[in-house]
Amino acid sequence: MRKSKFSEVQIAAILKEAEAGVAVTEVARKHGISAATFYQWRSK
């Protein structure tokens, strides 16, 4: 299985950033991930 570029802690920080009110597209672009990846992380 492929290892993620981001650790669990980094993923949590990215999700919290979006929870704080920043647009998902903005967060995704800033961290170099797709919106789909963001939503997959959030569902977990």
N, C-alpha and C. Protein backbone atom coordinates (compact mmCIF):
# COMPACT_ATOMS: atom_id res chain seq x y z
N MET A 1 0.83 -1.18 0.00
CA MET A 1 0.00 0.00 0.00
C MET A 1 0.88 1.25 0.00
N ARG A 2 0.47 2.25 -0.74
CA ARG A 2 1.25 3.48 -0.86
C ARG A 2 1.16 4.32 0.42
N LYS A 3 2.29 4.86 0.84
CA LYS A 3 2.32 5.70 2.04
C LYS A 3 1.90 7.13 1.67
N SER A 4 1.12 7.72 2.55
CA SER A 4 0.63 9.09 2.34
C SER A 4 1.77 10.10 2.44
N LYS A 5 1.63 11.19 1.71
CA LYS A 5 2.58 12.28 1.77
C LYS A 5 2.42 13.07 3.08
N PHE A 6 1.25 12.93 3.69
CA PHE A 6 0.92 13.69 4.90
C PHE A 6 0.74 12.75 6.09
N SER A 7 1.21 13.18 7.25
CA SER A 7 1.03 12.39 8.47
C SER A 7 -0.38 12.64 9.01
N GLU A 8 -0.77 11.81 9.99
CA GLU A 8 -2.09 11.96 10.61
C GLU A 8 -2.24 13.36 11.22
N VAL A 9 -1.18 13.86 11.83
CA VAL A 9 -1.21 15.18 12.48
C VAL A 9 -1.40 16.28 11.44
N GLN A 10 -0.71 16.16 10.31
CA GLN A 10 -0.84 17.16 9.25
C GLN A 10 -2.26 17.16 8.67
N ILE A 11 -2.81 15.96 8.46
CA ILE A 11 -4.17 15.84 7.93
C ILE A 11 -5.16 16.50 8.89
N ALA A 12 -5.00 16.24 10.18
CA ALA A 12 -5.89 16.84 11.18
C ALA A 12 -5.80 18.37 11.14
N ALA A 13 -4.60 18.89 10.98
CA ALA A 13 -4.42 20.34 10.92
C ALA A 13 -5.08 20.95 9.69
N ILE A 14 -4.98 20.25 8.57
CA ILE A 14 -5.61 20.72 7.33
C ILE A 14 -7.12 20.72 7.47
N LEU A 15 -7.68 19.67 8.06
CA LEU A 15 -9.12 19.59 8.27
C LEU A 15 -9.61 20.68 9.22
N LYS A 16 -8.83 20.96 10.27
CA LYS A 16 -9.19 22.02 11.22
C LYS A 16 -9.17 23.39 10.56
N GLU A 17 -8.24 23.57 9.65
CA GLU A 17 -8.13 24.85 8.93
C GLU A 17 -9.42 25.12 8.15
N ALA A 18 -9.94 24.09 7.49
CA ALA A 18 -11.18 24.24 6.73
C ALA A 18 -12.36 24.43 7.67
N GLU A 19 -12.32 23.78 8.82
CA GLU A 19 -13.39 23.90 9.81
C GLU A 19 -13.46 25.32 10.36
N ALA A 20 -12.32 26.00 10.37
CA ALA A 20 -12.24 27.36 10.90
C ALA A 20 -12.87 28.40 9.97
N GLY A 21 -13.27 27.96 8.77
CA GLY A 21 -13.97 28.88 7.88
C GLY A 21 -13.31 29.14 6.55
N VAL A 22 -12.12 28.60 6.33
CA VAL A 22 -11.44 28.78 5.05
C VAL A 22 -12.10 27.86 4.02
N ALA A 23 -12.27 28.34 2.80
CA ALA A 23 -12.91 27.56 1.75
C ALA A 23 -12.10 26.30 1.43
N VAL A 24 -12.81 25.21 1.16
CA VAL A 24 -12.15 23.93 0.88
C VAL A 24 -11.22 24.05 -0.32
N THR A 25 -11.66 24.73 -1.37
CA THR A 25 -10.81 24.88 -2.56
C THR A 25 -9.52 25.63 -2.23
N GLU A 26 -9.64 26.63 -1.37
CA GLU A 26 -8.48 27.41 -0.94
C GLU A 26 -7.49 26.54 -0.15
N VAL A 27 -8.01 25.76 0.78
CA VAL A 27 -7.17 24.88 1.61
C VAL A 27 -6.49 23.84 0.72
N ALA A 28 -7.25 23.25 -0.19
CA ALA A 28 -6.71 22.22 -1.07
C ALA A 28 -5.58 22.79 -1.93
N ARG A 29 -5.78 23.96 -2.49
CA ARG A 29 -4.75 24.58 -3.34
C ARG A 29 -3.51 24.90 -2.53
N LYS A 30 -3.69 25.42 -1.32
CA LYS A 30 -2.57 25.81 -0.47
C LYS A 30 -1.68 24.62 -0.12
N HIS A 31 -2.29 23.45 0.11
CA HIS A 31 -1.53 22.27 0.55
C HIS A 31 -1.21 21.29 -0.58
N GLY A 32 -1.66 21.60 -1.78
CA GLY A 32 -1.33 20.77 -2.93
C GLY A 32 -2.09 19.45 -2.98
N ILE A 33 -3.34 19.47 -2.52
CA ILE A 33 -4.18 18.27 -2.59
C ILE A 33 -5.42 18.60 -3.41
N SER A 34 -6.14 17.57 -3.83
CA SER A 34 -7.37 17.81 -4.56
C SER A 34 -8.52 17.94 -3.56
N ALA A 35 -9.61 18.54 -4.00
CA ALA A 35 -10.80 18.65 -3.15
C ALA A 35 -11.32 17.26 -2.81
N ALA A 36 -11.21 16.33 -3.75
CA ALA A 36 -11.67 14.96 -3.51
C ALA A 36 -10.88 14.32 -2.37
N THR A 37 -9.58 14.55 -2.34
CA THR A 37 -8.74 14.02 -1.27
C THR A 37 -9.18 14.60 0.07
N PHE A 38 -9.45 15.89 0.09
CA PHE A 38 -9.91 16.55 1.31
C PHE A 38 -11.18 15.89 1.83
N TYR A 39 -12.14 15.68 0.94
CA TYR A 39 -13.41 15.09 1.36
C TYR A 39 -13.25 13.64 1.80
N GLN A 40 -12.30 12.91 1.19
CA GLN A 40 -12.01 11.54 1.63
C GLN A 40 -11.46 11.54 3.05
N TRP A 41 -10.53 12.44 3.32
CA TRP A 41 -9.96 12.55 4.65
C TRP A 41 -11.05 12.88 5.66
N ARG A 42 -11.92 13.81 5.29
CA ARG A 42 -12.98 14.25 6.21
C ARG A 42 -13.94 13.10 6.52
N SER A 43 -14.21 12.25 5.54
CA SER A 43 -15.14 11.14 5.77
C SER A 43 -14.56 10.11 6.73
N LYS A 44 -13.23 10.02 6.80
CA LYS A 44 -12.58 9.08 7.71
C LYS A 44 -12.59 9.65 9.11
